[in-house]
Amino acid sequence: MNIRSDIIRGHLDAIILRLISEKDRYGYEISKEITDRTEGRFQIKEATLYAVFQRLHRKELIESYFGSVSHGGKRKYYSITPLGRAYLSEIVKEWQEAKNIIDLFMEGL
């Protein structure tokens, strides 16, 4: 079952922060990880991914740096900042509460 992208769109910041909190990652790696973890049920578009990077960077939730040269040249890696970790922690708490509330109405359908 494919899910409508607008259902996930509001949570992309949290998803990407979560992936970057595990380890520093570059754009394609994040995109591939999202596809792999969802078993292909959700794929993020490149333009959307880089818009999220810009938004998170502007809010000082992530930082970027260029890694060593690889097959295609230097890769731009993203890392989470301490402010980003605190923000992610709050987002996770909010998500858990929202999920509990939604479950009250959706369970048993």
PDB file of N, CA and C in Angstrom:
ATOM      1  N   MET A   1       0.842  -1.180   0.000  1.00  0.00           N
ATOM      2  CA  MET A   1       0.000   0.000   0.000  1.00  0.00           C
ATOM      3  C   MET A   1       0.883   1.238   0.000  1.00  0.00           C
ATOM      4  N   ASN A   2       0.700   2.105  -0.974  1.00  0.00           N
ATOM      5  CA  ASN A   2       1.409   3.375  -1.002  1.00  0.00           C
ATOM      6  C   ASN A   2       0.616   4.405  -0.223  1.00  0.00           C
ATOM      7  N   ILE A   3       1.316   5.232   0.495  1.00  0.00           N
ATOM      8  CA  ILE A   3       0.678   6.252   1.311  1.00  0.00           C
ATOM      9  C   ILE A   3       0.775   7.598   0.592  1.00  0.00           C
ATOM     10  N   ARG A   4      -0.247   8.414   0.733  1.00  0.00           N
ATOM     11  CA  ARG A   4      -0.210   9.738   0.118  1.00  0.00           C
ATOM     12  C   ARG A   4       0.924  10.545   0.737  1.00  0.00           C
ATOM     13  N   SER A   5       1.686  11.217  -0.104  1.00  0.00           N
ATOM     14  CA  SER A   5       2.857  11.942   0.379  1.00  0.00           C
ATOM     15  C   SER A   5       2.493  13.087   1.312  1.00  0.00           C
ATOM     16  N   ASP A   6       1.288  13.657   1.195  1.00  0.00           N
ATOM     17  CA  ASP A   6       0.922  14.772   2.058  1.00  0.00           C
ATOM     18  C   ASP A   6       0.767  14.336   3.518  1.00  0.00           C
ATOM     19  N   ILE A   7       0.518  13.065   3.754  1.00  0.00           N
ATOM     20  CA  ILE A   7       0.419  12.566   5.126  1.00  0.00           C
ATOM     21  C   ILE A   7       1.795  12.574   5.789  1.00  0.00           C
ATOM     22  N   ILE A   8       2.817  12.287   5.030  1.00  0.00           N
ATOM     23  CA  ILE A   8       4.179  12.232   5.563  1.00  0.00           C
ATOM     24  C   ILE A   8       4.868  13.588   5.498  1.00  0.00           C
ATOM     25  N   ARG A   9       4.486  14.422   4.546  1.00  0.00           N
ATOM     26  CA  ARG A   9       5.177  15.693   4.295  1.00  0.00           C
ATOM     27  C   ARG A   9       5.396  16.510   5.565  1.00  0.00           C
ATOM     28  N   GLY A  10       4.421  16.583   6.439  1.00  0.00           N
ATOM     29  CA  GLY A  10       4.533  17.361   7.666  1.00  0.00           C
ATOM     30  C   GLY A  10       5.529  16.791   8.664  1.00  0.00           C
ATOM     31  N   HIS A  11       6.016  15.606   8.390  1.00  0.00           N
ATOM     32  CA  HIS A  11       6.942  14.945   9.317  1.00  0.00           C
ATOM     33  C   HIS A  11       8.342  14.769   8.726  1.00  0.00           C
ATOM     34  N   LEU A  12       8.573  15.336   7.562  1.00  0.00           N
ATOM     35  CA  LEU A  12       9.869  15.149   6.899  1.00  0.00           C
ATOM     36  C   LEU A  12      11.028  15.715   7.705  1.00  0.00           C
ATOM     37  N   ASP A  13      10.833  16.869   8.336  1.00  0.00           N
ATOM     38  CA  ASP A  13      11.914  17.433   9.144  1.00  0.00           C
ATOM     39  C   ASP A  13      12.339  16.427  10.211  1.00  0.00           C
ATOM     40  N   ALA A  14      11.364  15.853  10.906  1.00  0.00           N
ATOM     41  CA  ALA A  14      11.664  14.901  11.971  1.00  0.00           C
ATOM     42  C   ALA A  14      12.321  13.633  11.418  1.00  0.00           C
ATOM     43  N   ILE A  15      11.834  13.150  10.284  1.00  0.00           N
ATOM     44  CA  ILE A  15      12.393  11.932   9.685  1.00  0.00           C
ATOM     45  C   ILE A  15      13.855  12.158   9.318  1.00  0.00           C
ATOM     46  N   ILE A  16      14.132  13.276   8.685  1.00  0.00           N
ATOM     47  CA  ILE A  16      15.504  13.552   8.249  1.00  0.00           C
ATOM     48  C   ILE A  16      16.406  13.834   9.448  1.00  0.00           C
ATOM     49  N   LEU A  17      15.908  14.575  10.429  1.00  0.00           N
ATOM     50  CA  LEU A  17      16.706  14.790  11.642  1.00  0.00           C
ATOM     51  C   LEU A  17      17.018  13.461  12.322  1.00  0.00           C
ATOM     52  N   ARG A  18      16.048  12.576  12.355  1.00  0.00           N
ATOM     53  CA  ARG A  18      16.264  11.259  12.991  1.00  0.00           C
ATOM     54  C   ARG A  18      17.362  10.484  12.275  1.00  0.00           C
ATOM     55  N   LEU A  19      17.321  10.487  10.951  1.00  0.00           N
ATOM     56  CA  LEU A  19      18.351   9.764  10.191  1.00  0.00           C
ATOM     57  C   LEU A  19      19.730  10.387  10.406  1.00  0.00           C
ATOM     58  N   ILE A  20      19.780  11.705  10.433  1.00  0.00           N
ATOM     59  CA  ILE A  20      21.064  12.379  10.626  1.00  0.00           C
ATOM     60  C   ILE A  20      21.552  12.214  12.066  1.00  0.00           C
ATOM     61  N   SER A  21      20.630  12.037  13.007  1.00  0.00           N
ATOM     62  CA  SER A  21      21.044  11.839  14.395  1.00  0.00           C
ATOM     63  C   SER A  21      21.756  10.500  14.581  1.00  0.00           C
ATOM     64  N   GLU A  22      21.466   9.530  13.706  1.00  0.00           N
ATOM     65  CA  GLU A  22      22.117   8.221  13.781  1.00  0.00           C
ATOM     66  C   GLU A  22      23.580   8.310  13.362  1.00  0.00           C
ATOM     67  N   LYS A  23      23.831   9.103  12.323  1.00  0.00           N
ATOM     68  CA  LYS A  23      25.186   9.336  11.822  1.00  0.00           C
ATOM     69  C   LYS A  23      25.103  10.424  10.756  1.00  0.00           C
ATOM     70  N   ASP A  24      26.225  11.088  10.512  1.00  0.00           N
ATOM     71  CA  ASP A  24      26.259  12.084   9.450  1.00  0.00           C
ATOM     72  C   ASP A  24      25.980  11.380   8.128  1.00  0.00           C
ATOM     73  N   ARG A  25      25.195  12.024   7.282  1.00  0.00           N
ATOM     74  CA  ARG A  25      24.798  11.413   6.015  1.00  0.00           C
ATOM     75  C   ARG A  25      24.801  12.453   4.914  1.00  0.00           C
ATOM     76  N   TYR A  26      24.886  11.989   3.671  1.00  0.00           N
ATOM     77  CA  TYR A  26      24.763  12.869   2.508  1.00  0.00           C
ATOM     78  C   TYR A  26      23.397  12.616   1.859  1.00  0.00           C
ATOM     79  N   GLY A  27      23.005  13.521   0.972  1.00  0.00           N
ATOM     80  CA  GLY A  27      21.651  13.537   0.424  1.00  0.00           C
ATOM     81  C   GLY A  27      21.181  12.218  -0.162  1.00  0.00           C
ATOM     82  N   TYR A  28      21.943  11.658  -1.088  1.00  0.00           N
ATOM     83  CA  TYR A  28      21.514  10.415  -1.731  1.00  0.00           C
ATOM     84  C   TYR A  28      21.377   9.295  -0.701  1.00  0.00           C
ATOM     85  N   GLU A  29      22.275   9.269   0.264  1.00  0.00           N
ATOM     86  CA  GLU A  29      22.233   8.237   1.302  1.00  0.00           C
ATOM     87  C   GLU A  29      20.932   8.335   2.114  1.00  0.00           C
ATOM     88  N   ILE A  30      20.514   9.553   2.410  1.00  0.00           N
ATOM     89  CA  ILE A  30      19.270   9.767   3.151  1.00  0.00           C
ATOM     90  C   ILE A  30      18.083   9.317   2.308  1.00  0.00           C
ATOM     91  N   SER A  31      18.069   9.725   1.056  1.00  0.00           N
ATOM     92  CA  SER A  31      16.985   9.344   0.146  1.00  0.00           C
ATOM     93  C   SER A  31      16.875   7.822   0.044  1.00  0.00           C
ATOM     94  N   LYS A  32      18.004   7.162  -0.127  1.00  0.00           N
ATOM     95  CA  LYS A  32      18.027   5.701  -0.244  1.00  0.00           C
ATOM     96  C   LYS A  32      17.577   5.039   1.059  1.00  0.00           C
ATOM     97  N   GLU A  33      18.004   5.587   2.181  1.00  0.00           N
ATOM     98  CA  GLU A  33      17.626   5.020   3.485  1.00  0.00           C
ATOM     99  C   GLU A  33      16.115   5.116   3.703  1.00  0.00           C
ATOM    100  N   ILE A  34      15.524   6.228   3.299  1.00  0.00           N
ATOM    101  CA  ILE A  34      14.066   6.385   3.423  1.00  0.00           C
ATOM    102  C   ILE A  34      13.359   5.334   2.566  1.00  0.00           C
ATOM    103  N   THR A  35      13.801   5.180   1.333  1.00  0.00           N
ATOM    104  CA  THR A  35      13.208   4.181   0.439  1.00  0.00           C
ATOM    105  C   THR A  35      13.385   2.776   0.994  1.00  0.00           C
ATOM    106  N   ASP A  36      14.594   2.473   1.479  1.00  0.00           N
ATOM    107  CA  ASP A  36      14.873   1.133   2.003  1.00  0.00           C
ATOM    108  C   ASP A  36      14.048   0.832   3.252  1.00  0.00           C
ATOM    109  N   ARG A  37      14.024   1.759   4.195  1.00  0.00           N
ATOM    110  CA  ARG A  37      13.305   1.503   5.448  1.00  0.00           C
ATOM    111  C   ARG A  37      11.804   1.361   5.238  1.00  0.00           C
ATOM    112  N   THR A  38      11.295   2.039   4.226  1.00  0.00           N
ATOM    113  CA  THR A  38       9.854   1.940   3.952  1.00  0.00           C
ATOM    114  C   THR A  38       9.557   0.859   2.917  1.00  0.00           C
ATOM    115  N   GLU A  39      10.576   0.103   2.554  1.00  0.00           N
ATOM    116  CA  GLU A  39      10.440  -0.959   1.550  1.00  0.00           C
ATOM    117  C   GLU A  39       9.796  -0.425   0.275  1.00  0.00           C
ATOM    118  N   GLY A  40      10.203   0.798  -0.105  1.00  0.00           N
ATOM    119  CA  GLY A  40       9.739   1.407  -1.343  1.00  0.00           C
ATOM    120  C   GLY A  40       8.376   2.065  -1.265  1.00  0.00           C
ATOM    121  N   ARG A  41       7.752   2.040  -0.106  1.00  0.00           N
ATOM    122  CA  ARG A  41       6.414   2.626   0.021  1.00  0.00           C
ATOM    123  C   ARG A  41       6.438   4.144   0.052  1.00  0.00           C
ATOM    124  N   PHE A  42       7.583   4.724   0.386  1.00  0.00           N
ATOM    125  CA  PHE A  42       7.722   6.178   0.355  1.00  0.00           C
ATOM    126  C   PHE A  42       9.087   6.523  -0.205  1.00  0.00           C
ATOM    127  N   GLN A  43       9.082   7.407  -1.168  1.00  0.00           N
ATOM    128  CA  GLN A  43      10.326   7.902  -1.756  1.00  0.00           C
ATOM    129  C   GLN A  43      10.281   9.415  -1.730  1.00  0.00           C
ATOM    130  N   ILE A  44      11.365  10.015  -1.282  1.00  0.00           N
ATOM    131  CA  ILE A  44      11.418  11.470  -1.213  1.00  0.00           C
ATOM    132  C   ILE A  44      12.034  12.012  -2.494  1.00  0.00           C
ATOM    133  N   LYS A  45      11.442  13.049  -3.031  1.00  0.00           N
ATOM    134  CA  LYS A  45      11.969  13.672  -4.244  1.00  0.00           C
ATOM    135  C   LYS A  45      13.194  14.508  -3.873  1.00  0.00           C
ATOM    136  N   GLU A  46      14.138  14.567  -4.789  1.00  0.00           N
ATOM    137  CA  GLU A  46      15.386  15.294  -4.544  1.00  0.00           C
ATOM    138  C   GLU A  46      15.117  16.752  -4.179  1.00  0.00           C
ATOM    139  N   ALA A  47      14.233  17.406  -4.914  1.00  0.00           N
ATOM    140  CA  ALA A  47      13.933  18.820  -4.635  1.00  0.00           C
ATOM    141  C   ALA A  47      13.357  18.990  -3.234  1.00  0.00           C
ATOM    142  N   THR A  48      12.510  18.059  -2.816  1.00  0.00           N
ATOM    143  CA  THR A  48      11.920  18.112  -1.481  1.00  0.00           C
ATOM    144  C   THR A  48      12.990  17.925  -0.421  1.00  0.00           C
ATOM    145  N   LEU A  49      13.872  16.964  -0.638  1.00  0.00           N
ATOM    146  CA  LEU A  49      14.942  16.685   0.313  1.00  0.00           C
ATOM    147  C   LEU A  49      15.815  17.918   0.518  1.00  0.00           C
ATOM    148  N   TYR A  50      16.216  18.565  -0.564  1.00  0.00           N
ATOM    149  CA  TYR A  50      17.111  19.715  -0.439  1.00  0.00           C
ATOM    150  C   TYR A  50      16.379  20.931   0.121  1.00  0.00           C
ATOM    151  N   ALA A  51      15.079  21.023  -0.082  1.00  0.00           N
ATOM    152  CA  ALA A  51      14.295  22.090   0.560  1.00  0.00           C
ATOM    153  C   ALA A  51      14.274  21.880   2.080  1.00  0.00           C
ATOM    154  N   VAL A  52      14.151  20.626   2.507  1.00  0.00           N
ATOM    155  CA  VAL A  52      14.189  20.311   3.937  1.00  0.00           C
ATOM    156  C   VAL A  52      15.563  20.650   4.497  1.00  0.00           C
ATOM    157  N   PHE A  53      16.631  20.283   3.794  1.00  0.00           N
ATOM    158  CA  PHE A  53      17.981  20.628   4.246  1.00  0.00           C
ATOM    159  C   PHE A  53      18.117  22.130   4.456  1.00  0.00           C
ATOM    160  N   GLN A  54      17.642  22.915   3.503  1.00  0.00           N
ATOM    161  CA  GLN A  54      17.737  24.371   3.608  1.00  0.00           C
ATOM    162  C   GLN A  54      16.965  24.888   4.820  1.00  0.00           C
ATOM    163  N   ARG A  55      15.770  24.365   5.025  1.00  0.00           N
ATOM    164  CA  ARG A  55      14.947  24.789   6.150  1.00  0.00           C
ATOM    165  C   ARG A  55      15.621  24.442   7.483  1.00  0.00           C
ATOM    166  N   LEU A  56      16.124  23.214   7.592  1.00  0.00           N
ATOM    167  CA  LEU A  56      16.775  22.785   8.833  1.00  0.00           C
ATOM    168  C   LEU A  56      18.068  23.566   9.080  1.00  0.00           C
ATOM    169  N   HIS A  57      18.773  23.872   8.017  1.00  0.00           N
ATOM    170  CA  HIS A  57      20.017  24.640   8.138  1.00  0.00           C
ATOM    171  C   HIS A  57      19.713  26.066   8.596  1.00  0.00           C
ATOM    172  N   ARG A  58      18.689  26.670   8.017  1.00  0.00           N
ATOM    173  CA  ARG A  58      18.281  28.031   8.378  1.00  0.00           C
ATOM    174  C   ARG A  58      17.901  28.123   9.857  1.00  0.00           C
ATOM    175  N   LYS A  59      17.285  27.066  10.372  1.00  0.00           N
ATOM    176  CA  LYS A  59      16.877  27.021  11.781  1.00  0.00           C
ATOM    177  C   LYS A  59      18.024  26.586  12.696  1.00  0.00           C
ATOM    178  N   GLU A  60      19.202  26.334  12.100  1.00  0.00           N
ATOM    179  CA  GLU A  60      20.409  25.902  12.826  1.00  0.00           C
ATOM    180  C   GLU A  60      20.220  24.552  13.516  1.00  0.00           C
ATOM    181  N   LEU A  61      19.417  23.697  12.895  1.00  0.00           N
ATOM    182  CA  LEU A  61      19.188  22.352  13.425  1.00  0.00           C
ATOM    183  C   LEU A  61      20.174  21.347  12.836  1.00  0.00           C
ATOM    184  N   ILE A  62      20.753  21.689  11.690  1.00  0.00           N
ATOM    185  CA  ILE A  62      21.779  20.855  11.062  1.00  0.00           C
ATOM    186  C   ILE A  62      22.931  21.740  10.584  1.00  0.00           C
ATOM    187  N   GLU A  63      24.053  21.095  10.354  1.00  0.00           N
ATOM    188  CA  GLU A  63      25.223  21.727   9.749  1.00  0.00           C
ATOM    189  C   GLU A  63      25.640  20.863   8.569  1.00  0.00           C
ATOM    190  N   SER A  64      26.420  21.433   7.683  1.00  0.00           N
ATOM    191  CA  SER A  64      26.897  20.650   6.545  1.00  0.00           C
ATOM    192  C   SER A  64      28.395  20.855   6.379  1.00  0.00           C
ATOM    193  N   TYR A  65      29.013  19.872   5.764  1.00  0.00           N
ATOM    194  CA  TYR A  65      30.445  19.933   5.457  1.00  0.00           C
ATOM    195  C   TYR A  65      30.714  19.008   4.287  1.00  0.00           C
ATOM    196  N   PHE A  66      31.818  19.253   3.619  1.00  0.00           N
ATOM    197  CA  PHE A  66      32.188  18.404   2.505  1.00  0.00           C
ATOM    198  C   PHE A  66      33.116  17.303   2.994  1.00  0.00           C
ATOM    199  N   GLY A  67      32.786  16.075   2.623  1.00  0.00           N
ATOM    200  CA  GLY A  67      33.601  14.926   2.968  1.00  0.00           C
ATOM    201  C   GLY A  67      34.724  14.756   1.961  1.00  0.00           C
ATOM    202  N   SER A  68      35.431  13.670   2.076  1.00  0.00           N
ATOM    203  CA  SER A  68      36.530  13.403   1.153  1.00  0.00           C
ATOM    204  C   SER A  68      35.992  13.070  -0.236  1.00  0.00           C
ATOM    205  N   VAL A  69      36.849  13.135  -1.196  1.00  0.00           N
ATOM    206  CA  VAL A  69      36.476  12.871  -2.587  1.00  0.00           C
ATOM    207  C   VAL A  69      36.098  11.405  -2.741  1.00  0.00           C
ATOM    208  N   SER A  70      34.981  11.170  -3.427  1.00  0.00           N
ATOM    209  CA  SER A  70      34.539   9.806  -3.718  1.00  0.00           C
ATOM    210  C   SER A  70      34.373   9.673  -5.224  1.00  0.00           C
ATOM    211  N   HIS A  71      33.623   8.700  -5.655  1.00  0.00           N
ATOM    212  CA  HIS A  71      33.454   8.433  -7.088  1.00  0.00           C
ATOM    213  C   HIS A  71      32.937   9.634  -7.857  1.00  0.00           C
ATOM    214  N   GLY A  72      32.003  10.376  -7.289  1.00  0.00           N
ATOM    215  CA  GLY A  72      31.401  11.499  -7.998  1.00  0.00           C
ATOM    216  C   GLY A  72      31.942  12.845  -7.564  1.00  0.00           C
ATOM    217  N   GLY A  73      32.979  12.883  -6.789  1.00  0.00           N
ATOM    218  CA  GLY A  73      33.512  14.139  -6.274  1.00  0.00           C
ATOM    219  C   GLY A  73      33.267  14.236  -4.782  1.00  0.00           C
ATOM    220  N   LYS A  74      33.348  15.464  -4.269  1.00  0.00           N
ATOM    221  CA  LYS A  74      33.125  15.660  -2.839  1.00  0.00           C
ATOM    222  C   LYS A  74      31.639  15.575  -2.532  1.00  0.00           C
ATOM    223  N   ARG A  75      31.324  14.878  -1.451  1.00  0.00           N
ATOM    224  CA  ARG A  75      29.942  14.764  -1.010  1.00  0.00           C
ATOM    225  C   ARG A  75      29.702  15.749   0.118  1.00  0.00           C
ATOM    226  N   LYS A  76      28.518  16.341   0.110  1.00  0.00           N
ATOM    227  CA  LYS A  76      28.127  17.249   1.179  1.00  0.00           C
ATOM    228  C   LYS A  76      27.386  16.434   2.231  1.00  0.00           C
ATOM    229  N   TYR A  77      27.956  16.400   3.427  1.00  0.00           N
ATOM    230  CA  TYR A  77      27.371  15.652   4.533  1.00  0.00           C
ATOM    231  C   TYR A  77      26.607  16.604   5.447  1.00  0.00           C
ATOM    232  N   TYR A  78      25.605  16.048   6.101  1.00  0.00           N
ATOM    233  CA  TYR A  78      24.793  16.818   7.036  1.00  0.00           C
ATOM    234  C   TYR A  78      24.904  16.175   8.410  1.00  0.00           C
ATOM    235  N   SER A  79      25.052  17.021   9.422  1.00  0.00           N
ATOM    236  CA  SER A  79      25.115  16.545  10.800  1.00  0.00           C
ATOM    237  C   SER A  79      24.127  17.349  11.637  1.00  0.00           C
ATOM    238  N   ILE A  80      23.642  16.738  12.688  1.00  0.00           N
ATOM    239  CA  ILE A  80      22.666  17.390  13.557  1.00  0.00           C
ATOM    240  C   ILE A  80      23.405  18.221  14.605  1.00  0.00           C
ATOM    241  N   THR A  81      22.862  19.361  14.933  1.00  0.00           N
ATOM    242  CA  THR A  81      23.445  20.230  15.950  1.00  0.00           C
ATOM    243  C   THR A  81      22.820  19.907  17.307  1.00  0.00           C
ATOM    244  N   PRO A  82      23.406  20.396  18.396  1.00  0.00           N
ATOM    245  CA  PRO A  82      22.756  20.201  19.704  1.00  0.00           C
ATOM    246  C   PRO A  82      21.328  20.763  19.727  1.00  0.00           C
ATOM    247  N   LEU A  83      21.118  21.906  19.086  1.00  0.00           N
ATOM    248  CA  LEU A  83      19.775  22.472  18.984  1.00  0.00           C
ATOM    249  C   LEU A  83      18.853  21.517  18.205  1.00  0.00           C
ATOM    250  N   GLY A  84      19.400  20.887  17.168  1.00  0.00           N
ATOM    251  CA  GLY A  84      18.642  19.920  16.381  1.00  0.00           C
ATOM    252  C   GLY A  84      18.257  18.699  17.199  1.00  0.00           C
ATOM    253  N   ARG A  85      19.162  18.238  18.057  1.00  0.00           N
ATOM    254  CA  ARG A  85      18.858  17.083  18.920  1.00  0.00           C
ATOM    255  C   ARG A  85      17.735  17.425  19.901  1.00  0.00           C
ATOM    256  N   ALA A  86      17.788  18.618  20.472  1.00  0.00           N
ATOM    257  CA  ALA A  86      16.742  19.048  21.403  1.00  0.00           C
ATOM    258  C   ALA A  86      15.406  19.167  20.669  1.00  0.00           C
ATOM    259  N   TYR A  87      15.426  19.735  19.478  1.00  0.00           N
ATOM    260  CA  TYR A  87      14.214  19.886  18.669  1.00  0.00           C
ATOM    261  C   TYR A  87      13.642  18.515  18.317  1.00  0.00           C
ATOM    262  N   LEU A  88      14.500  17.590  17.903  1.00  0.00           N
ATOM    263  CA  LEU A  88      14.051  16.241  17.556  1.00  0.00           C
ATOM    264  C   LEU A  88      13.400  15.564  18.756  1.00  0.00           C
ATOM    265  N   SER A  89      13.977  15.729  19.919  1.00  0.00           N
ATOM    266  CA  SER A  89      13.408  15.143  21.131  1.00  0.00           C
ATOM    267  C   SER A  89      11.988  15.667  21.374  1.00  0.00           C
ATOM    268  N   GLU A  90      11.791  16.959  21.190  1.00  0.00           N
ATOM    269  CA  GLU A  90      10.463  17.552  21.361  1.00  0.00           C
ATOM    270  C   GLU A  90       9.485  17.049  20.304  1.00  0.00           C
ATOM    271  N   ILE A  91       9.955  16.956  19.060  1.00  0.00           N
ATOM    272  CA  ILE A  91       9.103  16.476  17.968  1.00  0.00           C
ATOM    273  C   ILE A  91       8.660  15.035  18.226  1.00  0.00           C
ATOM    274  N   VAL A  92       9.559  14.211  18.736  1.00  0.00           N
ATOM    275  CA  VAL A  92       9.219  12.811  19.029  1.00  0.00           C
ATOM    276  C   VAL A  92       8.132  12.761  20.102  1.00  0.00           C
ATOM    277  N   LYS A  93       8.257  13.584  21.134  1.00  0.00           N
ATOM    278  CA  LYS A  93       7.234  13.623  22.191  1.00  0.00           C
ATOM    279  C   LYS A  93       5.888  14.065  21.617  1.00  0.00           C
ATOM    280  N   GLU A  94       5.918  15.100  20.773  1.00  0.00           N
ATOM    281  CA  GLU A  94       4.679  15.575  20.150  1.00  0.00           C
ATOM    282  C   GLU A  94       4.064  14.487  19.273  1.00  0.00           C
ATOM    283  N   TRP A  95       4.904  13.791  18.500  1.00  0.00           N
ATOM    284  CA  TRP A  95       4.414  12.725  17.624  1.00  0.00           C
ATOM    285  C   TRP A  95       3.754  11.616  18.436  1.00  0.00           C
ATOM    286  N   GLN A  96       4.394  11.221  19.527  1.00  0.00           N
ATOM    287  CA  GLN A  96       3.835  10.157  20.348  1.00  0.00           C
ATOM    288  C   GLN A  96       2.474  10.555  20.913  1.00  0.00           C
ATOM    289  N   GLU A  97       2.343  11.797  21.344  1.00  0.00           N
ATOM    290  CA  GLU A  97       1.057  12.258  21.878  1.00  0.00           C
ATOM    291  C   GLU A  97       0.014  12.329  20.773  1.00  0.00           C
ATOM    292  N   ALA A  98       0.385  12.861  19.607  1.00  0.00           N
ATOM    293  CA  ALA A  98      -0.552  12.937  18.479  1.00  0.00           C
ATOM    294  C   ALA A  98      -0.989  11.535  18.055  1.00  0.00           C
ATOM    295  N   LYS A  99      -0.043  10.612  17.999  1.00  0.00           N
ATOM    296  CA  LYS A  99      -0.359   9.234  17.623  1.00  0.00           C
ATOM    297  C   LYS A  99      -1.337   8.617  18.620  1.00  0.00           C
ATOM    298  N   ASN A 100      -1.122   8.855  19.908  1.00  0.00           N
ATOM    299  CA  ASN A 100      -2.041   8.333  20.931  1.00  0.00           C
ATOM    300  C   ASN A 100      -3.451   8.871  20.731  1.00  0.00           C
ATOM    301  N   ILE A 101      -3.560  10.153  20.425  1.00  0.00           N
ATOM    302  CA  ILE A 101      -4.872  10.763  20.218  1.00  0.00           C
ATOM    303  C   ILE A 101      -5.537  10.205  18.968  1.00  0.00           C
ATOM    304  N   ILE A 102      -4.789  10.114  17.874  1.00  0.00           N
ATOM    305  CA  ILE A 102      -5.349   9.576  16.618  1.00  0.00           C
ATOM    306  C   ILE A 102      -5.766   8.124  16.808  1.00  0.00           C
ATOM    307  N   ASP A 103      -4.933   7.361  17.515  1.00  0.00           N
ATOM    308  CA  ASP A 103      -5.278   5.951  17.767  1.00  0.00           C
ATOM    309  C   ASP A 103      -6.610   5.807  18.492  1.00  0.00           C
ATOM    310  N   LEU A 104      -6.955   6.742  19.358  1.00  0.00           N
ATOM    311  CA  LEU A 104      -8.231   6.691  20.078  1.00  0.00           C
ATOM    312  C   LEU A 104      -9.410   6.637  19.100  1.00  0.00           C
ATOM    313  N   PHE A 105      -9.240   7.280  17.950  1.00  0.00           N
ATOM    314  CA  PHE A 105     -10.322   7.355  16.966  1.00  0.00           C
ATOM    315  C   PHE A 105     -10.215   6.315  15.871  1.00  0.00           C
ATOM    316  N   MET A 106      -9.020   5.830  15.597  1.00  0.00           N
ATOM    317  CA  MET A 106      -8.811   4.948  14.454  1.00  0.00           C
ATOM    318  C   MET A 106      -8.749   3.470  14.809  1.00  0.00           C
ATOM    319  N   GLU A 107      -8.498   3.128  16.045  1.00  0.00           N
ATOM    320  CA  GLU A 107      -8.404   1.722  16.424  1.00  0.00           C
ATOM    321  C   GLU A 107      -9.752   1.028  16.241  1.00  0.00           C
ATOM    322  N   GLY A 108      -9.679  -0.181  15.801  1.00  0.00           N
ATOM    323  CA  GLY A 108     -10.873  -0.981  15.651  1.00  0.00           C
ATOM    324  C   GLY A 108     -11.590  -0.813  14.326  1.00  0.00           C
ATOM    325  N   LEU A 109     -11.028  -0.017  13.427  1.00  0.00           N
ATOM    326  CA  LEU A 109     -11.671   0.161  12.122  1.00  0.00           C
ATOM    327  C   LEU A 109     -11.314  -0.968  11.196  1.00  0.00           C
TER     328      LEU A 109
END
